[in-house]
């Protein structure tokens, strides 16, 4: 998916507040949750979400949707990751 396609789909679904985020190599963040939903597009590298019971891995060009109030941790491997994030309250 391209950035333009991602933005159009996110806006159509009510997402706003677009941000670029860079994750360093071997990121291993703590489990946490947000009180807002997130959609993101991986623009470079490999990005993973670790949940309490599973792990989901996303490659460059793939999107991920995370509902509000879901415990997760952001993870990356040896390449790190760059993503575009949009939020929905």
N, C-alpha and C. Protein backbone atom coordinates (compact mmCIF):
# COMPACT_ATOMS: atom_id res chain seq x y z
N UNK A 1 0.85 -1.17 0.00
CA UNK A 1 0.00 0.00 0.00
C UNK A 1 0.90 1.24 0.00
N UNK A 2 0.50 2.23 -0.72
CA UNK A 2 1.26 3.48 -0.75
C UNK A 2 0.82 4.39 0.39
N UNK A 3 1.63 5.39 0.66
CA UNK A 3 1.28 6.36 1.69
C UNK A 3 -0.02 7.08 1.35
N UNK A 4 -0.20 7.45 0.09
CA UNK A 4 -1.42 8.15 -0.32
C UNK A 4 -2.65 7.27 -0.12
N UNK A 5 -2.56 5.99 -0.46
CA UNK A 5 -3.68 5.07 -0.25
C UNK A 5 -3.97 4.91 1.24
N UNK A 6 -2.92 4.79 2.03
CA UNK A 6 -3.08 4.65 3.47
C UNK A 6 -3.80 5.87 4.06
N UNK A 7 -3.32 7.05 3.69
CA UNK A 7 -3.93 8.28 4.22
C UNK A 7 -5.40 8.37 3.84
N UNK A 8 -5.72 8.07 2.58
CA UNK A 8 -7.11 8.15 2.12
C UNK A 8 -8.00 7.17 2.89
N UNK A 9 -7.53 5.93 3.07
CA UNK A 9 -8.32 4.94 3.81
C UNK A 9 -8.47 5.33 5.27
N UNK A 10 -7.40 5.82 5.87
CA UNK A 10 -7.45 6.21 7.29
C UNK A 10 -8.43 7.35 7.50
N UNK A 11 -8.37 8.36 6.64
CA UNK A 11 -9.27 9.51 6.76
C UNK A 11 -10.72 9.06 6.58
N UNK A 12 -10.96 8.17 5.61
CA UNK A 12 -12.32 7.66 5.38
C UNK A 12 -12.87 6.92 6.60
N UNK A 13 -11.98 6.34 7.40
CA UNK A 13 -12.39 5.60 8.60
C UNK A 13 -12.38 6.46 9.86
N UNK A 14 -12.10 7.77 9.70
CA UNK A 14 -12.16 8.69 10.83
C UNK A 14 -10.86 8.89 11.59
N UNK A 15 -9.74 8.42 11.04
CA UNK A 15 -8.44 8.60 11.69
C UNK A 15 -7.86 9.97 11.33
N UNK A 16 -7.15 10.56 12.29
CA UNK A 16 -6.52 11.86 12.10
C UNK A 16 -5.16 11.84 12.79
N UNK A 17 -4.55 12.99 12.94
CA UNK A 17 -3.30 13.15 13.69
C UNK A 17 -2.20 12.23 13.16
N UNK A 18 -1.89 12.37 11.87
CA UNK A 18 -0.86 11.55 11.24
C UNK A 18 0.51 11.95 11.75
N UNK A 19 1.33 10.94 12.08
CA UNK A 19 2.69 11.16 12.57
C UNK A 19 3.63 10.13 11.97
N UNK A 20 4.83 10.58 11.64
CA UNK A 20 5.89 9.66 11.24
C UNK A 20 6.64 9.24 12.49
N UNK A 21 6.97 7.97 12.59
CA UNK A 21 7.70 7.49 13.76
C UNK A 21 8.80 6.54 13.32
N UNK A 22 9.99 6.72 13.90
CA UNK A 22 11.12 5.85 13.63
C UNK A 22 11.38 5.00 14.87
N UNK A 23 11.48 3.69 14.66
CA UNK A 23 11.82 2.77 15.74
C UNK A 23 13.23 2.27 15.49
N UNK A 24 14.09 2.40 16.46
CA UNK A 24 15.48 1.95 16.36
C UNK A 24 15.53 0.43 16.23
N UNK A 25 16.69 -0.08 15.89
CA UNK A 25 16.87 -1.52 15.80
C UNK A 25 16.67 -2.17 17.17
N UNK A 26 16.15 -3.36 17.14
CA UNK A 26 15.96 -4.18 18.34
C UNK A 26 15.17 -3.48 19.44
N UNK A 27 14.12 -2.76 19.04
CA UNK A 27 13.21 -2.13 20.01
C UNK A 27 12.40 -3.21 20.71
N UNK A 28 12.27 -3.10 22.00
CA UNK A 28 11.53 -4.06 22.80
C UNK A 28 10.78 -3.31 23.90
N UNK A 29 9.71 -2.64 23.51
CA UNK A 29 8.99 -1.79 24.45
C UNK A 29 8.14 -2.59 25.43
N UNK A 30 7.68 -1.94 26.49
CA UNK A 30 6.85 -2.60 27.50
C UNK A 30 5.40 -2.75 27.04
N UNK A 31 4.69 -3.71 27.61
CA UNK A 31 3.26 -3.83 27.35
C UNK A 31 2.57 -2.57 27.88
N UNK A 32 1.68 -2.03 27.08
CA UNK A 32 0.92 -0.84 27.46
C UNK A 32 -0.35 -0.78 26.59
N UNK A 33 -1.19 0.19 26.83
CA UNK A 33 -2.36 0.39 25.97
C UNK A 33 -2.68 1.87 25.86
N UNK A 34 -3.45 2.20 24.83
CA UNK A 34 -3.86 3.58 24.57
C UNK A 34 -5.38 3.67 24.69
N UNK A 35 -5.88 4.84 24.99
CA UNK A 35 -7.33 5.04 25.04
C UNK A 35 -7.85 5.54 23.69
N UNK A 36 -7.11 5.29 22.62
CA UNK A 36 -7.50 5.65 21.27
C UNK A 36 -7.09 4.51 20.33
N UNK A 37 -7.78 4.40 19.20
CA UNK A 37 -7.42 3.42 18.19
C UNK A 37 -6.28 3.95 17.33
N UNK A 38 -5.49 3.04 16.78
CA UNK A 38 -4.36 3.41 15.93
C UNK A 38 -4.41 2.59 14.65
N UNK A 39 -4.10 3.22 13.54
CA UNK A 39 -3.83 2.51 12.31
C UNK A 39 -2.45 2.96 11.87
N UNK A 40 -1.68 2.04 11.30
CA UNK A 40 -0.34 2.43 10.87
C UNK A 40 0.06 1.71 9.60
N UNK A 41 0.96 2.34 8.87
CA UNK A 41 1.55 1.78 7.66
C UNK A 41 3.05 1.68 7.89
N UNK A 42 3.61 0.51 7.66
CA UNK A 42 5.06 0.33 7.76
C UNK A 42 5.66 0.85 6.46
N UNK A 43 6.51 1.87 6.56
CA UNK A 43 7.12 2.44 5.36
C UNK A 43 8.54 1.93 5.14
N UNK A 44 9.15 1.34 6.16
CA UNK A 44 10.49 0.74 6.02
C UNK A 44 10.71 -0.23 7.16
N UNK A 45 11.40 -1.31 6.89
CA UNK A 45 11.76 -2.27 7.92
C UNK A 45 10.66 -3.25 8.24
N UNK A 46 10.75 -3.83 9.43
CA UNK A 46 9.79 -4.81 9.92
C UNK A 46 9.33 -4.36 11.30
N UNK A 47 8.03 -4.32 11.52
CA UNK A 47 7.43 -3.83 12.75
C UNK A 47 6.56 -4.95 13.32
N UNK A 48 6.65 -5.18 14.61
CA UNK A 48 5.85 -6.21 15.25
C UNK A 48 5.09 -5.64 16.44
N UNK A 49 3.91 -6.17 16.65
CA UNK A 49 3.14 -5.89 17.86
C UNK A 49 3.08 -7.18 18.66
N UNK A 50 3.55 -7.10 19.88
CA UNK A 50 3.48 -8.24 20.80
C UNK A 50 2.27 -8.03 21.68
N UNK A 51 1.37 -9.00 21.67
CA UNK A 51 0.21 -8.98 22.54
C UNK A 51 0.46 -9.96 23.68
N UNK A 52 -0.42 -10.01 24.63
CA UNK A 52 -0.22 -10.92 25.76
C UNK A 52 -0.16 -12.38 25.32
N UNK A 53 -0.86 -12.72 24.24
CA UNK A 53 -0.94 -14.12 23.83
C UNK A 53 -0.43 -14.41 22.43
N UNK A 54 0.04 -13.39 21.70
CA UNK A 54 0.51 -13.63 20.33
C UNK A 54 1.35 -12.46 19.85
N UNK A 55 1.95 -12.65 18.69
CA UNK A 55 2.77 -11.61 18.06
C UNK A 55 2.35 -11.49 16.60
N UNK A 56 2.18 -10.26 16.12
CA UNK A 56 1.85 -10.00 14.73
C UNK A 56 2.99 -9.20 14.10
N UNK A 57 3.46 -9.66 12.94
CA UNK A 57 4.59 -9.03 12.28
C UNK A 57 4.12 -8.38 10.98
N UNK A 58 4.58 -7.15 10.73
CA UNK A 58 4.19 -6.38 9.56
C UNK A 58 5.44 -5.95 8.80
N UNK A 59 5.40 -6.12 7.48
CA UNK A 59 6.51 -5.77 6.60
C UNK A 59 6.23 -4.43 5.92
N UNK A 60 7.23 -3.88 5.27
CA UNK A 60 7.08 -2.65 4.51
C UNK A 60 5.89 -2.77 3.56
N UNK A 61 5.02 -1.74 3.60
CA UNK A 61 3.84 -1.71 2.75
C UNK A 61 2.60 -2.30 3.37
N UNK A 62 2.74 -2.90 4.56
CA UNK A 62 1.59 -3.50 5.23
C UNK A 62 1.02 -2.57 6.29
N UNK A 63 -0.28 -2.71 6.51
CA UNK A 63 -0.99 -1.90 7.51
C UNK A 63 -1.39 -2.74 8.70
N UNK A 64 -1.61 -2.04 9.78
CA UNK A 64 -2.03 -2.68 11.02
C UNK A 64 -3.07 -1.78 11.67
N UNK A 65 -4.09 -2.37 12.23
CA UNK A 65 -5.12 -1.64 12.97
C UNK A 65 -5.14 -2.14 14.40
N UNK A 66 -5.07 -1.21 15.33
CA UNK A 66 -5.05 -1.56 16.74
C UNK A 66 -6.19 -0.83 17.45
N UNK A 67 -7.18 -1.57 17.93
CA UNK A 67 -8.28 -0.92 18.66
C UNK A 67 -7.79 -0.27 19.95
N UNK A 68 -8.58 0.62 20.48
CA UNK A 68 -8.27 1.24 21.77
C UNK A 68 -8.29 0.20 22.87
N UNK A 69 -7.49 0.44 23.90
CA UNK A 69 -7.49 -0.36 25.13
C UNK A 69 -7.07 -1.82 24.94
N UNK A 70 -6.17 -2.07 24.00
CA UNK A 70 -5.60 -3.40 23.79
C UNK A 70 -4.15 -3.37 24.23
N UNK A 71 -3.79 -4.23 25.19
CA UNK A 71 -2.40 -4.27 25.67
C UNK A 71 -1.49 -4.81 24.56
N UNK A 72 -0.40 -4.09 24.33
CA UNK A 72 0.55 -4.45 23.28
C UNK A 72 1.91 -3.84 23.58
N UNK A 73 2.91 -4.31 22.85
CA UNK A 73 4.25 -3.72 22.90
C UNK A 73 4.76 -3.64 21.48
N UNK A 74 5.49 -2.56 21.17
CA UNK A 74 6.09 -2.41 19.85
C UNK A 74 7.45 -3.09 19.85
N UNK A 75 7.74 -3.83 18.77
CA UNK A 75 9.00 -4.55 18.66
C UNK A 75 9.57 -4.37 17.25
N UNK A 76 10.88 -4.34 17.15
CA UNK A 76 11.56 -4.35 15.86
C UNK A 76 12.74 -5.30 15.93
N UNK A 77 13.25 -5.65 14.77
CA UNK A 77 14.43 -6.51 14.69
C UNK A 77 15.66 -5.71 14.32
N UNK A 78 16.54 -6.35 13.59
CA UNK A 78 17.85 -5.76 13.27
C UNK A 78 17.78 -4.61 12.27
N UNK A 79 16.63 -4.43 11.60
CA UNK A 79 16.52 -3.34 10.63
C UNK A 79 15.81 -2.12 11.19
N UNK A 80 15.19 -2.25 12.35
CA UNK A 80 14.38 -1.15 12.86
C UNK A 80 13.12 -1.02 11.99
N UNK A 81 12.41 0.08 12.14
CA UNK A 81 11.20 0.30 11.34
C UNK A 81 10.86 1.77 11.30
N UNK A 82 10.20 2.15 10.22
CA UNK A 82 9.62 3.48 10.09
C UNK A 82 8.15 3.28 9.75
N UNK A 83 7.30 4.04 10.42
CA UNK A 83 5.85 3.89 10.23
C UNK A 83 5.19 5.26 10.17
N UNK A 84 4.00 5.26 9.59
CA UNK A 84 3.10 6.41 9.66
C UNK A 84 1.93 5.97 10.53
N UNK A 85 1.65 6.74 11.55
CA UNK A 85 0.59 6.40 12.51
C UNK A 85 -0.51 7.44 12.41
N UNK A 86 -1.76 6.97 12.52
CA UNK A 86 -2.91 7.87 12.62
C UNK A 86 -3.75 7.39 13.80
N UNK A 87 -4.40 8.33 14.47
CA UNK A 87 -5.17 8.00 15.67
C UNK A 87 -6.65 8.32 15.47
N UNK A 88 -7.48 7.60 16.22
CA UNK A 88 -8.92 7.89 16.26
C UNK A 88 -9.37 7.82 17.71
N UNK A 89 -9.87 8.91 18.23
CA UNK A 89 -10.33 8.97 19.63
C UNK A 89 -11.62 8.21 19.79
